[in-house]
Amino acid sequence: MTVKIKRIYEEPAESDGKRILVDGIWPRGVSKEEAKLDEWLKEIAPSKDLRQWFVHDPDKFDPFKKKYKEELKNNEEQKEAYSDLQKLIQKHDVTLLTATKDEKYNHAQVLKSLL
């Protein structure tokens, strides 16, 4: 199955497949109806400490990827959410949704590369 990434602020499309929000915090200015989510896997998001350290700095992206992968492996809630996401991808096309403005340096890109 295919995995795409979209900003949650973009219009939903039929081609999105299952729409899964992978941010830990609900995005500003988007209602639950507008989001048209199938899942919100907030537990899969990077920890607050990691997110605040990274701040989407391209120079920190490689160490961020390594630290985030470690979190996904070692944190029970994140590990379970990642397992749930893997199961969904085996059955459906999936669009990972995020509110981040930086479309290149973010945790959804890391997730997509792992999947």
Protein backbone atom coordinates (compact mmCIF):
# COMPACT_ATOMS: atom_id res chain seq x y z
CA MET A 1 0.00 0.00 0.00
CA THR A 2 1.08 3.59 -0.49
CA VAL A 3 2.04 6.13 2.16
CA LYS A 4 1.71 9.86 1.52
CA ILE A 5 2.24 12.92 3.67
CA LYS A 6 0.00 15.98 3.69
CA ARG A 7 -0.47 19.02 5.82
CA ILE A 8 -3.75 18.77 7.66
CA TYR A 9 -4.66 22.20 6.29
CA GLU A 10 -4.83 20.82 2.73
CA GLU A 11 -8.19 19.72 1.34
CA PRO A 12 -9.04 16.05 1.86
CA ALA A 13 -9.06 13.97 -1.32
CA GLU A 14 -10.42 10.55 -2.25
CA SER A 15 -6.90 9.47 -3.11
CA ASP A 16 -5.82 10.04 0.52
CA GLY A 17 -6.99 6.61 1.64
CA LYS A 18 -6.98 6.40 5.43
CA ARG A 19 -6.25 9.84 6.88
CA ILE A 20 -4.11 9.57 10.01
CA LEU A 21 -3.01 12.53 12.11
CA VAL A 22 0.45 11.79 13.54
CA ASP A 23 0.90 14.95 15.64
CA GLY A 24 0.71 14.88 19.41
CA ILE A 25 -1.19 18.15 19.61
CA TRP A 26 -4.42 18.97 17.79
CA PRO A 27 -3.72 21.48 14.97
CA ARG A 28 -4.96 25.02 15.44
CA GLY A 29 -7.88 26.21 13.37
CA VAL A 30 -9.03 22.77 12.19
CA SER A 31 -12.29 21.30 13.39
CA LYS A 32 -12.75 17.55 13.78
CA GLU A 33 -15.27 17.65 10.90
CA GLU A 34 -12.92 19.53 8.57
CA ALA A 35 -10.05 17.15 9.33
CA LYS A 36 -12.00 14.11 8.12
CA LEU A 37 -9.69 11.81 10.09
CA ASP A 38 -9.84 8.07 10.24
CA GLU A 39 -7.34 7.92 13.11
CA TRP A 40 -5.40 10.20 15.41
CA LEU A 41 -2.26 8.42 16.57
CA LYS A 42 -1.05 11.16 18.91
CA GLU A 43 1.10 8.68 20.82
CA ILE A 44 3.31 8.19 17.74
CA ALA A 45 4.51 11.80 17.78
CA PRO A 46 7.99 12.63 19.07
CA SER A 47 8.27 13.43 22.76
CA LYS A 48 7.87 17.04 23.81
CA ASP A 49 11.57 17.23 24.75
CA LEU A 50 12.70 15.89 21.38
CA ARG A 51 10.30 18.15 19.48
CA GLN A 52 11.46 21.23 21.40
CA TRP A 53 15.13 20.33 20.87
CA PHE A 54 14.68 19.76 17.14
CA VAL A 55 12.49 22.79 16.21
CA HIS A 56 12.66 21.68 12.54
CA ASP A 57 16.30 22.74 12.25
CA PRO A 58 17.64 21.08 9.06
CA ASP A 59 21.09 20.80 10.69
CA LYS A 60 19.58 18.67 13.47
CA PHE A 61 17.49 16.43 11.21
CA ASP A 62 19.90 13.47 11.10
CA PRO A 63 20.33 13.30 14.89
CA PHE A 64 16.57 13.91 15.25
CA LYS A 65 15.82 10.91 13.02
CA LYS A 66 18.08 8.70 15.12
CA LYS A 67 16.59 9.87 18.42
CA TYR A 68 13.02 9.58 17.13
CA LYS A 69 13.62 6.03 15.87
CA GLU A 70 14.98 5.17 19.33
CA GLU A 71 11.82 6.58 20.91
CA LEU A 72 9.65 4.50 18.58
CA LYS A 73 11.60 1.41 19.61
CA ASN A 74 11.83 2.04 23.35
CA ASN A 75 8.74 4.00 24.42
CA GLU A 76 5.82 1.62 24.93
CA GLU A 77 3.07 4.04 23.83
CA GLN A 78 4.98 5.09 20.72
CA LYS A 79 5.88 1.48 19.92
CA GLU A 80 2.22 0.42 20.16
CA ALA A 81 1.05 3.34 17.99
CA TYR A 82 3.73 2.51 15.40
CA SER A 83 2.56 -1.11 15.38
CA ASP A 84 -1.03 0.06 14.84
CA LEU A 85 0.14 2.21 11.93
CA GLN A 86 2.01 -0.72 10.37
CA LYS A 87 -1.16 -2.82 10.53
CA LEU A 88 -3.20 -0.09 8.83
CA ILE A 89 -0.66 0.21 6.03
CA GLN A 90 -0.84 -3.50 5.31
CA LYS A 91 -4.54 -3.10 4.45
CA HIS A 92 -4.96 0.48 3.18
CA ASP A 93 -3.40 3.38 1.35
CA VAL A 94 -2.54 5.91 4.04
CA THR A 95 -1.96 9.65 4.24
CA LEU A 96 0.00 10.81 7.26
CA LEU A 97 -1.28 14.21 8.32
CA THR A 98 0.74 16.81 10.17
CA ALA A 99 0.36 20.50 10.95
CA THR A 100 4.05 21.28 10.55
CA LYS A 101 4.98 23.99 8.07
CA ASP A 102 8.28 22.33 7.19
CA GLU A 103 7.33 19.61 4.74
CA LYS A 104 10.85 18.22 4.39
CA TYR A 105 12.21 18.08 7.94
CA ASN A 106 9.57 16.53 10.17
CA HIS A 107 8.65 13.34 11.98
CA ALA A 108 6.11 12.28 9.32
CA GLN A 109 8.99 12.00 6.86
CA VAL A 110 10.79 9.73 9.32
CA LEU A 111 7.68 7.58 9.72
CA LYS A 112 7.21 7.33 5.97
CA SER A 113 10.82 6.21 5.49
CA LEU A 114 10.39 3.53 8.15
CA LEU A 115 7.18 2.23 6.62
